[in-house]
Amino acid sequence: MSPRDSSSGALTQLTRTPGILAAFALVLLAFGGFSLLLPVVPLAVVRGGGSEFVAGATTGVFMTITVVFQLLTPRITAAIGYRWVLGIGSAMLGLPSGLLALFDSSFAVLAVSGVRGAGFGMMTVAGSALVAELAPPGMLGRATSLIGLAIGISEALFLPAGLWTLDAFGLPTVAWSATAFGAVGLFAAARLPRVYPTPPEPSERSVMSSGQVFVLLVGPFLVMLAVSLPYGAAASFLSPALDEIIQGSGAVVAGVGLGLLGAGVIVGRTFAGLISDRQGPGAMVWPGLGLAAIGMAGIAVMVSMAVNPWWFLVPTIVFGLGFGAVQNDALVGSFERMPRSRLGTASASWNISFDTGTGLGSIVMGGLAGFGYVVLFAVAAGIVLIVGGPASVYARRTRPPRELPQPDSGD
């Protein structure tokens, strides 16, 4: 049997595993609803007369509550199982979205964002963990890649779709579309098998103190934070920045740019994964940080020059390539540092760093937007290097002396 036939057979076996396609659909819908509204809500706030700080706070509140519920979800899942957690998460993320079209007060928008963040936190943790539970022996790597594909498709398609729909049909259409995503997610959740988390097997190596876990994971955590913070800034403020250049019509260009950013992430993650398999994790951290910093700096320069908005596609793609490369190496590096029974801890750390950075990028950069969008994106470029550089050095120095047991990828 050729390698291609083997890969095709493995993919067929994976997709026929009960619950895998439903889990794939749930992740696709969750990130689809998230991506639809991520750049839309801040832009709608600014266009409605709200401040940049409030605009950034919508994403910041969303991500803050997301992180809180990511910490709580493992215990909730152990009590009620994946089907209920993902059904409740889908309802909380999607169904309240339509209310954004009915209320225009800052408090109401922030409240709806908080409820949606709770649902997103439950779905991100439980969705990935469920796939790991359902994956056939030797196919954990392929199963997690399938989830990565769902996330990449969602971001590449629905980040631009949300902004395009906003300009073409208005906020109500975008908001109620996100509600529809949540409703469909309830049907996908109903098709899941009744699965509960598998208790970790006790072993000497799995008994690690909180201090040891912190020392091993803080490096990859900060590296990921260094690039997810600028990502939050781009997602929330690229559209308002372009609005200033082309007088209220920046959403279309920004939407295309964010879609290409998502495509760049897929390419960056895929390439970094190939390099990681050959050279070990960490080889693409510095190139990724460099590309991410160049992308943010490029946006700042173009804002200062008020160039043709379509030129902004170039630095957003560059940032996406670097963002994707760092994502992959930070995740693999986190897994490398934990024993098999603590892989869930490594995954949670990575997800929290991603969402914390995205939220901080919206809140902190929202405060800086008062000094101008050039300052905002220039500071974002600096954060990539000032935070990411030392963190990557620390991560290399705290790498375990030998590789810890890893899940079988089936290769």
Protein backbone atom coordinates (compact mmCIF):
# COMPACT_ATOMS: atom_id res chain seq x y z
CA MET A 1 0.00 0.00 0.00
CA SER A 2 1.38 3.42 -0.98
CA PRO A 3 1.76 6.22 1.59
CA ARG A 4 -1.06 8.08 -0.15
CA ASP A 5 -3.39 5.07 0.15
CA SER A 6 -2.38 4.68 3.80
CA SER A 7 -3.12 8.33 4.55
CA SER A 8 -6.44 8.15 2.72
CA GLY A 9 -7.42 5.02 4.65
CA ALA A 10 -6.47 6.63 7.95
CA LEU A 11 -8.54 9.71 7.15
CA THR A 12 -11.51 7.53 6.23
CA GLN A 13 -11.19 5.60 9.49
CA LEU A 14 -10.97 8.84 11.43
CA THR A 15 -14.02 10.46 9.85
CA ARG A 16 -16.04 7.28 10.37
CA THR A 17 -15.24 7.24 14.08
CA PRO A 18 -18.50 8.02 15.94
CA GLY A 19 -18.59 11.62 17.10
CA ILE A 20 -15.55 12.89 15.18
CA LEU A 21 -17.47 14.66 12.41
CA ALA A 22 -19.93 16.10 14.94
CA ALA A 23 -16.99 17.43 16.97
CA PHE A 24 -15.45 18.85 13.79
CA ALA A 25 -18.73 20.59 12.99
CA LEU A 26 -18.99 22.00 16.51
CA VAL A 27 -15.49 23.48 16.37
CA LEU A 28 -16.17 24.87 12.89
CA LEU A 29 -19.41 26.48 14.07
CA ALA A 30 -17.90 27.80 17.29
CA PHE A 31 -14.98 29.48 15.57
CA GLY A 32 -17.26 30.53 12.71
CA GLY A 33 -19.56 32.43 15.07
CA PHE A 34 -16.54 33.80 16.94
CA SER A 35 -14.85 34.96 13.73
CA LEU A 36 -18.01 36.52 12.31
CA LEU A 37 -18.28 38.95 15.21
CA LEU A 38 -14.67 39.36 16.35
CA PRO A 39 -13.87 42.37 14.12
CA VAL A 40 -17.50 43.42 13.63
CA VAL A 41 -18.47 44.32 17.20
CA PRO A 42 -15.58 46.76 17.83
CA LEU A 43 -16.14 48.40 14.44
CA ALA A 44 -19.89 48.71 15.06
CA VAL A 45 -19.17 50.35 18.43
CA VAL A 46 -16.82 52.91 16.84
CA ARG A 47 -19.21 53.64 13.97
CA GLY A 48 -22.01 54.02 16.48
CA GLY A 49 -20.13 56.79 18.26
CA GLY A 50 -18.49 54.75 21.02
CA SER A 51 -14.88 55.16 22.10
CA GLU A 52 -11.99 52.99 20.97
CA PHE A 53 -11.59 51.86 24.58
CA VAL A 54 -15.15 50.52 24.72
CA ALA A 55 -14.63 48.95 21.29
CA GLY A 56 -11.55 47.13 22.52
CA ALA A 57 -13.26 46.22 25.79
CA THR A 58 -15.89 44.18 23.91
CA THR A 59 -13.19 41.74 22.81
CA GLY A 60 -11.36 42.09 26.12
CA VAL A 61 -14.42 41.13 28.18
CA PHE A 62 -15.17 38.27 25.80
CA MET A 63 -11.65 36.87 26.15
CA THR A 64 -11.43 37.42 29.90
CA ILE A 65 -14.58 35.38 30.52
CA THR A 66 -13.34 32.84 27.97
CA VAL A 67 -10.19 32.24 30.02
CA VAL A 68 -12.16 31.94 33.28
CA PHE A 69 -14.38 29.25 31.79
CA GLN A 70 -11.44 27.48 30.18
CA LEU A 71 -10.13 26.97 33.70
CA LEU A 72 -13.51 25.71 34.94
CA THR A 73 -14.47 23.51 31.98
CA PRO A 74 -12.43 20.37 32.89
CA ARG A 75 -14.31 20.07 36.21
CA ILE A 76 -17.67 20.80 34.58
CA THR A 77 -16.97 18.21 31.88
CA ALA A 78 -16.04 15.58 34.47
CA ALA A 79 -19.41 16.15 36.13
CA ILE A 80 -21.81 16.29 33.15
CA GLY A 81 -19.87 14.94 30.15
CA TYR A 82 -18.84 16.36 26.80
CA ARG A 83 -22.26 16.33 25.12
CA TRP A 84 -23.85 18.62 27.71
CA VAL A 85 -20.83 20.90 27.99
CA LEU A 86 -20.62 21.40 24.23
CA GLY A 87 -24.40 21.85 23.89
CA ILE A 88 -24.46 24.47 26.65
CA GLY A 89 -21.34 26.13 25.26
CA SER A 90 -22.83 26.34 21.78
CA ALA A 91 -26.01 27.88 23.16
CA MET A 92 -24.15 30.48 25.24
CA LEU A 93 -21.79 31.43 22.43
CA GLY A 94 -24.31 31.62 19.62
CA LEU A 95 -27.84 32.29 20.81
CA PRO A 96 -27.26 35.65 22.58
CA SER A 97 -25.47 37.09 19.52
CA GLY A 98 -28.68 38.43 17.99
CA LEU A 99 -29.16 40.66 21.03
CA LEU A 100 -26.25 42.78 19.78
CA ALA A 101 -28.61 44.07 17.10
CA LEU A 102 -31.29 45.04 19.64
CA PHE A 103 -29.28 46.97 22.23
CA ASP A 104 -26.81 49.78 21.63
CA SER A 105 -25.73 50.62 25.18
CA SER A 106 -22.13 49.86 26.13
CA PHE A 107 -23.25 47.82 29.15
CA ALA A 108 -25.53 45.61 27.06
CA VAL A 109 -22.86 44.98 24.44
CA LEU A 110 -20.29 44.09 27.12
CA ALA A 111 -22.79 41.83 28.92
CA VAL A 112 -23.60 39.91 25.74
CA SER A 113 -19.87 39.63 25.01
CA GLY A 114 -19.31 38.15 28.46
CA VAL A 115 -21.99 35.47 28.01
CA ARG A 116 -20.64 34.58 24.59
CA GLY A 117 -17.12 34.36 26.05
CA ALA A 118 -18.29 31.81 28.61
CA GLY A 119 -19.66 29.61 25.83
CA PHE A 120 -16.52 29.99 23.76
CA GLY A 121 -14.33 29.00 26.70
CA MET A 122 -16.33 25.83 27.25
CA MET A 123 -16.25 24.88 23.57
CA THR A 124 -12.55 25.48 22.95
CA VAL A 125 -11.42 23.27 25.82
CA ALA A 126 -14.08 20.57 25.60
CA GLY A 127 -14.02 20.38 21.79
CA SER A 128 -10.29 19.67 21.56
CA ALA A 129 -10.35 17.29 24.52
CA LEU A 130 -13.29 15.34 23.07
CA VAL A 131 -11.45 14.74 19.81
CA ALA A 132 -8.52 13.36 21.79
CA GLU A 133 -10.91 11.06 23.67
CA LEU A 134 -12.56 9.81 20.47
CA ALA A 135 -9.44 9.43 18.31
CA PRO A 136 -8.64 5.80 17.36
CA PRO A 137 -5.33 4.43 18.70
CA GLY A 138 -2.36 5.92 16.90
CA MET A 139 -4.39 8.73 15.29
CA LEU A 140 -4.30 11.50 17.88
CA GLY A 141 -2.04 13.63 15.68
CA ARG A 142 -4.36 13.40 12.69
CA ALA A 143 -7.40 14.06 14.85
CA THR A 144 -5.96 17.25 16.32
CA SER A 145 -4.90 18.32 12.82
CA LEU A 146 -8.52 17.95 11.75
CA ILE A 147 -9.54 20.38 14.50
CA GLY A 148 -6.81 22.77 13.40
CA LEU A 149 -8.25 22.62 9.90
CA ALA A 150 -11.71 23.49 11.23
CA ILE A 151 -10.31 26.52 13.07
CA GLY A 152 -8.32 27.67 10.02
CA ILE A 153 -11.29 27.37 7.67
CA SER A 154 -13.50 29.29 10.08
CA GLU A 155 -11.07 32.18 10.47
CA ALA A 156 -10.20 32.38 6.77
CA LEU A 157 -13.86 32.42 5.69
CA PHE A 158 -15.80 34.15 8.44
CA LEU A 159 -13.47 36.97 9.50
CA PRO A 160 -13.93 38.63 6.09
CA ALA A 161 -17.52 37.42 5.73
CA GLY A 162 -18.56 39.20 8.93
CA LEU A 163 -17.13 42.54 7.83
CA TRP A 164 -18.52 42.19 4.31
CA THR A 165 -21.97 41.36 5.66
CA LEU A 166 -21.79 44.33 8.03
CA ASP A 167 -21.18 46.74 5.16
CA ALA A 168 -23.65 45.07 2.81
CA PHE A 169 -26.58 44.32 5.13
CA GLY A 170 -25.84 45.88 8.52
CA LEU A 171 -25.18 44.61 12.04
CA PRO A 172 -28.49 42.73 12.55
CA THR A 173 -27.73 40.30 9.71
CA VAL A 174 -24.27 39.49 11.11
CA ALA A 175 -25.55 39.14 14.67
CA TRP A 176 -28.46 36.86 13.81
CA SER A 177 -26.20 34.77 11.55
CA ALA A 178 -24.00 34.10 14.56
CA THR A 179 -27.13 33.10 16.49
CA ALA A 180 -27.94 30.62 13.71
CA PHE A 181 -24.47 29.10 14.11
CA GLY A 182 -25.23 28.44 17.76
CA ALA A 183 -28.58 26.86 16.95
CA VAL A 184 -27.03 24.49 14.41
CA GLY A 185 -24.37 23.67 17.00
CA LEU A 186 -27.09 22.31 19.30
CA PHE A 187 -28.03 19.73 16.64
CA ALA A 188 -24.37 18.75 16.21
CA ALA A 189 -23.99 18.37 19.98
CA ALA A 190 -27.02 16.10 20.08
CA ARG A 191 -25.21 13.69 17.73
CA LEU A 192 -22.25 13.27 20.05
CA PRO A 193 -21.81 9.98 21.91
CA ARG A 194 -22.07 10.05 25.71
CA VAL A 195 -18.42 10.47 26.64
CA TYR A 196 -16.81 11.56 29.89
CA PRO A 197 -13.15 12.51 30.40
CA THR A 198 -10.81 9.58 31.02
CA PRO A 199 -9.18 9.89 34.47
CA PRO A 200 -5.39 10.18 34.21
CA GLU A 201 -3.42 7.09 35.09
CA PRO A 202 -1.33 7.63 38.21
CA SER A 203 2.40 7.49 37.59
CA GLU A 204 5.48 8.81 39.28
CA ARG A 205 6.26 11.24 36.47
CA SER A 206 2.73 12.64 36.37
CA VAL A 207 3.04 13.83 39.96
CA MET A 208 4.35 17.32 39.30
CA SER A 209 4.08 20.34 41.56
CA SER A 210 2.38 23.49 40.34
CA GLY A 211 5.75 25.21 40.50
CA GLN A 212 7.32 22.65 38.19
CA VAL A 213 4.48 22.95 35.70
CA PHE A 214 4.77 26.75 35.78
CA VAL A 215 8.53 26.72 35.15
CA LEU A 216 8.16 24.36 32.19
CA LEU A 217 5.18 26.04 30.52
CA VAL A 218 5.75 29.75 31.17
CA GLY A 219 8.22 30.07 28.26
CA PRO A 220 5.88 28.78 25.51
CA PHE A 221 3.00 30.65 27.23
CA LEU A 222 4.78 34.02 26.95
CA VAL A 223 5.96 33.34 23.40
CA MET A 224 2.35 32.72 22.39
CA LEU A 225 1.19 35.77 24.32
CA ALA A 226 3.69 37.92 22.40
CA VAL A 227 1.98 37.21 19.07
CA SER A 228 -1.65 36.77 20.14
CA LEU A 229 -1.71 40.26 21.70
CA PRO A 230 -0.92 41.94 18.33
CA TYR A 231 -3.45 39.59 16.71
CA GLY A 232 -6.14 40.95 19.02
CA ALA A 233 -5.09 44.47 18.08
CA ALA A 234 -5.31 43.70 14.35
CA ALA A 235 -8.66 41.93 14.64
CA SER A 236 -10.21 44.81 16.60
CA PHE A 237 -8.60 47.90 15.05
CA LEU A 238 -7.54 47.20 11.48
CA SER A 239 -11.04 48.08 10.24
CA PRO A 240 -11.32 51.40 12.16
CA ALA A 241 -7.80 52.32 11.03
CA LEU A 242 -8.71 51.75 7.38
CA ASP A 243 -12.00 53.58 7.89
CA GLU A 244 -9.98 56.72 8.60
CA ILE A 245 -8.11 56.32 5.30
CA ILE A 246 -11.06 55.57 3.03
CA GLN A 247 -13.79 57.38 4.96
CA GLY A 248 -15.93 54.68 6.50
CA SER A 249 -15.38 51.92 3.92
CA GLY A 250 -12.45 50.08 5.45
CA ALA A 251 -14.40 46.97 6.44
CA VAL A 252 -14.18 45.30 3.03
CA VAL A 253 -10.40 45.65 2.74
CA ALA A 254 -9.89 44.75 6.40
CA GLY A 255 -12.10 41.70 5.98
CA VAL A 256 -10.07 40.45 3.04
CA GLY A 257 -6.88 41.17 5.00
CA LEU A 258 -8.05 39.24 8.06
CA GLY A 259 -9.14 36.36 5.86
CA LEU A 260 -5.70 36.23 4.25
CA LEU A 261 -4.17 36.50 7.72
CA GLY A 262 -6.07 33.32 8.61
CA ALA A 263 -4.81 31.64 5.45
CA GLY A 264 -1.28 32.72 6.35
CA VAL A 265 -1.72 31.11 9.77
CA ILE A 266 -2.61 27.78 8.15
CA VAL A 267 0.47 27.93 5.90
CA GLY A 268 2.72 29.03 8.80
CA ARG A 269 1.48 26.27 11.08
CA THR A 270 1.82 23.60 8.40
CA PHE A 271 5.37 24.63 7.45
CA ALA A 272 6.44 24.94 11.09
CA GLY A 273 5.03 21.48 11.77
CA LEU A 274 7.18 19.96 9.02
CA ILE A 275 10.29 21.71 10.36
CA SER A 276 9.41 20.72 13.93
CA ASP A 277 9.19 17.03 12.97
CA ARG A 278 12.67 17.21 11.41
CA GLN A 279 14.53 19.52 13.80
CA GLY A 280 12.45 19.50 16.98
CA PRO A 281 10.19 22.24 18.33
CA GLY A 282 11.55 25.75 18.57
CA ALA A 283 13.31 26.03 15.21
CA MET A 284 10.63 28.34 13.80
CA VAL A 285 10.09 30.53 16.88
CA TRP A 286 12.59 33.25 15.96
CA PRO A 287 11.64 33.35 12.24
CA GLY A 288 7.99 33.44 13.29
CA LEU A 289 8.54 36.27 15.75
CA GLY A 290 10.46 38.18 13.09
CA LEU A 291 7.70 37.83 10.51
CA ALA A 292 5.04 38.80 13.05
CA ALA A 293 6.97 41.92 14.07
CA ILE A 294 7.59 42.91 10.44
CA GLY A 295 3.88 42.49 9.68
CA MET A 296 2.78 44.74 12.55
CA ALA A 297 5.47 47.33 11.75
CA GLY A 298 4.39 47.27 8.10
CA ILE A 299 0.81 48.07 9.08
CA ALA A 300 2.02 50.96 11.25
CA VAL A 301 4.12 52.40 8.39
CA MET A 302 1.27 52.13 5.91
CA VAL A 303 -1.17 53.82 8.30
CA SER A 304 1.29 56.69 8.72
CA MET A 305 1.58 57.08 4.94
CA ALA A 306 -2.16 56.63 4.27
CA VAL A 307 -1.35 54.38 1.30
CA ASN A 308 -3.89 52.60 -0.86
CA PRO A 309 -5.68 50.27 1.62
CA TRP A 310 -5.17 47.20 -0.58
CA TRP A 311 -1.45 47.37 0.20
CA PHE A 312 -2.37 46.45 3.78
CA LEU A 313 -2.93 42.88 2.56
CA VAL A 314 0.84 42.37 2.33
CA PRO A 315 1.76 43.01 5.99
CA THR A 316 -1.32 41.17 7.26
CA ILE A 317 -0.28 38.05 5.32
CA VAL A 318 3.29 38.40 6.63
CA PHE A 319 1.98 38.64 10.18
CA GLY A 320 -0.25 35.61 9.62
CA LEU A 321 2.69 33.47 8.47
CA GLY A 322 4.69 34.40 11.57
CA PHE A 323 1.68 34.02 13.86
CA GLY A 324 1.01 30.52 12.53
CA ALA A 325 4.66 29.42 12.88
CA VAL A 326 4.81 30.59 16.50
CA GLN A 327 1.44 28.97 17.26
CA ASN A 328 2.67 25.56 16.17
CA ASP A 329 6.03 25.71 17.90
CA ALA A 330 4.54 27.04 21.13
CA LEU A 331 1.98 24.23 21.20
CA VAL A 332 4.45 21.47 20.35
CA GLY A 333 6.91 22.95 22.84
CA SER A 334 4.24 22.87 25.55
CA PHE A 335 3.45 19.22 24.81
CA GLU A 336 7.16 18.36 24.84
CA ARG A 337 7.49 19.63 28.40
CA MET A 338 4.64 17.62 29.93
CA PRO A 339 4.22 13.89 30.59
CA ARG A 340 1.41 12.14 28.76
CA SER A 341 -1.03 12.50 31.66
CA ARG A 342 -0.47 16.27 31.67
CA LEU A 343 -1.03 16.91 27.96
CA GLY A 344 -4.40 18.46 28.84
CA THR A 345 -2.59 20.95 31.06
CA ALA A 346 -0.28 21.86 28.19
CA SER A 347 -3.23 22.32 25.84
CA ALA A 348 -5.08 24.49 28.36
CA SER A 349 -1.98 26.64 28.88
CA TRP A 350 -1.68 27.23 25.13
CA ASN A 351 -5.38 28.06 24.72
CA ILE A 352 -5.31 30.46 27.66
CA SER A 353 -2.22 32.25 26.33
CA PHE A 354 -3.93 32.63 22.94
CA ASP A 355 -7.16 34.02 24.36
CA THR A 356 -5.51 36.14 27.05
CA GLY A 357 -3.30 37.76 24.45
CA THR A 358 -6.22 38.39 22.10
CA GLY A 359 -8.20 40.01 24.89
CA LEU A 360 -5.30 42.11 26.16
CA GLY A 361 -4.58 43.19 22.59
CA SER A 362 -8.05 44.64 22.36
CA ILE A 363 -8.10 46.31 25.79
CA VAL A 364 -4.52 47.62 25.95
CA MET A 365 -4.46 48.69 22.33
CA GLY A 366 -7.87 50.27 22.72
CA GLY A 367 -6.31 52.58 25.28
CA LEU A 368 -3.40 53.36 22.94
CA ALA A 369 -5.73 54.08 20.02
CA GLY A 370 -6.28 57.53 21.50
CA PHE A 371 -2.69 58.34 20.50
CA GLY A 372 -3.37 57.21 16.94
CA TYR A 373 -3.37 53.93 15.04
CA VAL A 374 0.28 54.38 14.02
CA VAL A 375 1.27 54.24 17.70
CA LEU A 376 -1.04 51.29 18.30
CA PHE A 377 0.47 49.04 15.62
CA ALA A 378 4.04 50.20 16.29
CA VAL A 379 3.70 49.22 19.95
CA ALA A 380 2.20 45.88 18.86
CA ALA A 381 5.31 45.23 16.74
CA GLY A 382 7.54 46.07 19.69
CA ILE A 383 5.65 43.70 21.99
CA VAL A 384 6.36 40.79 19.63
CA LEU A 385 10.11 41.26 20.08
CA ILE A 386 10.29 42.63 23.64
CA VAL A 387 8.11 39.87 25.11
CA GLY A 388 8.68 37.08 22.61
CA GLY A 389 12.46 37.31 22.35
CA PRO A 390 13.35 36.79 26.03
CA ALA A 391 10.53 34.25 26.41
CA SER A 392 11.89 32.12 23.57
CA VAL A 393 15.37 32.16 25.14
CA TYR A 394 13.91 31.14 28.51
CA ALA A 395 11.89 28.38 26.83
CA ARG A 396 15.03 26.89 25.31
CA ARG A 397 16.85 26.94 28.64
CA THR A 398 14.01 25.22 30.50
CA ARG A 399 13.48 22.45 27.96
CA PRO A 400 13.54 19.02 29.65
CA PRO A 401 16.85 17.13 29.27
CA ARG A 402 15.10 14.31 27.49
CA GLU A 403 11.93 14.04 25.49
CA LEU A 404 8.88 13.09 27.52
CA PRO A 405 6.43 10.44 26.34
CA GLN A 406 4.20 11.84 23.60
CA PRO A 407 0.96 10.66 22.03
CA ASP A 408 1.39 8.36 19.06
CA SER A 409 0.76 10.44 15.92
CA GLY A 410 0.34 7.33 13.84
CA ASP A 411 3.24 8.20 11.52
